[in-house]
Protein backbone atom coordinates (compact mmCIF):
# COMPACT_ATOMS: atom_id res chain seq x y z
CA MET A 1 -27.83 -127.88 222.62
CA THR A 2 -27.24 -129.19 226.06
CA ALA A 3 -28.61 -132.47 227.33
CA THR A 4 -30.76 -130.74 229.97
CA LEU A 5 -32.54 -128.33 227.67
CA THR A 6 -34.79 -129.62 224.91
CA GLY A 7 -37.36 -128.18 222.56
CA LYS A 8 -39.12 -125.04 223.77
CA LYS A 9 -36.91 -124.70 226.85
CA TYR A 10 -33.79 -124.57 224.67
CA LEU A 11 -35.28 -121.94 222.41
CA LYS A 12 -36.53 -119.89 225.33
CA GLU A 13 -33.07 -119.92 226.95
CA LYS A 14 -31.43 -119.02 223.64
CA ALA A 15 -33.78 -116.03 223.15
CA LYS A 16 -33.26 -114.92 226.75
CA LYS A 17 -29.50 -115.01 226.31
CA ALA A 18 -29.73 -113.06 223.05
CA LEU A 19 -31.97 -110.37 224.60
CA GLN A 20 -29.71 -109.96 227.60
CA SER A 21 -26.68 -109.24 225.42
CA GLU A 22 -25.74 -105.59 224.79
CA GLU A 23 -26.63 -105.81 221.10
CA GLY A 24 -29.89 -107.61 221.90
CA ARG A 25 -30.92 -104.88 224.35
CA ARG A 26 -30.10 -102.21 221.76
CA ILE A 27 -32.14 -103.91 219.02
CA TYR A 28 -35.07 -104.64 221.35
CA GLY A 29 -35.03 -101.03 222.51
CA CYS A 30 -35.72 -99.93 218.95
CA ARG A 31 -38.95 -101.92 218.93
CA LYS A 32 -40.51 -99.95 221.77
CA THR A 33 -42.63 -97.49 219.86
CA ASP A 34 -46.15 -96.27 220.38
CA VAL A 35 -48.58 -97.21 217.61
CA GLU A 36 -51.59 -95.43 219.04
CA PRO A 37 -51.01 -92.10 217.19
CA ILE A 38 -51.41 -93.91 213.90
CA PHE A 39 -54.84 -95.23 214.88
CA GLY A 40 -55.84 -91.79 216.18
CA HIS A 41 -54.79 -90.24 212.88
CA MET A 42 -56.83 -92.77 210.92
CA LYS A 43 -59.88 -92.12 213.08
CA ASN A 44 -59.55 -88.34 212.82
CA CYS A 45 -58.62 -87.91 209.13
CA PHE A 46 -60.32 -90.82 207.44
CA GLY A 47 -63.33 -91.33 209.70
CA ILE A 48 -62.33 -94.91 210.41
CA ARG A 49 -63.93 -95.99 213.66
CA ARG A 50 -63.25 -99.75 213.64
CA THR A 51 -60.19 -101.64 212.56
CA HIS A 52 -59.55 -105.34 212.15
CA LEU A 53 -55.91 -106.32 212.44
């Protein structure tokens, strides 16, 4: 940890650096999925109109 970065700032910079790496971009790209079809399926098939997550 550098002397200029402490606490949250250090962690934020560390996460930013990890996400900007090639592997980090690849892993983060896998997270980008659409969850809406699952809720539509629940509403259509099971008659669920409200959900509490």
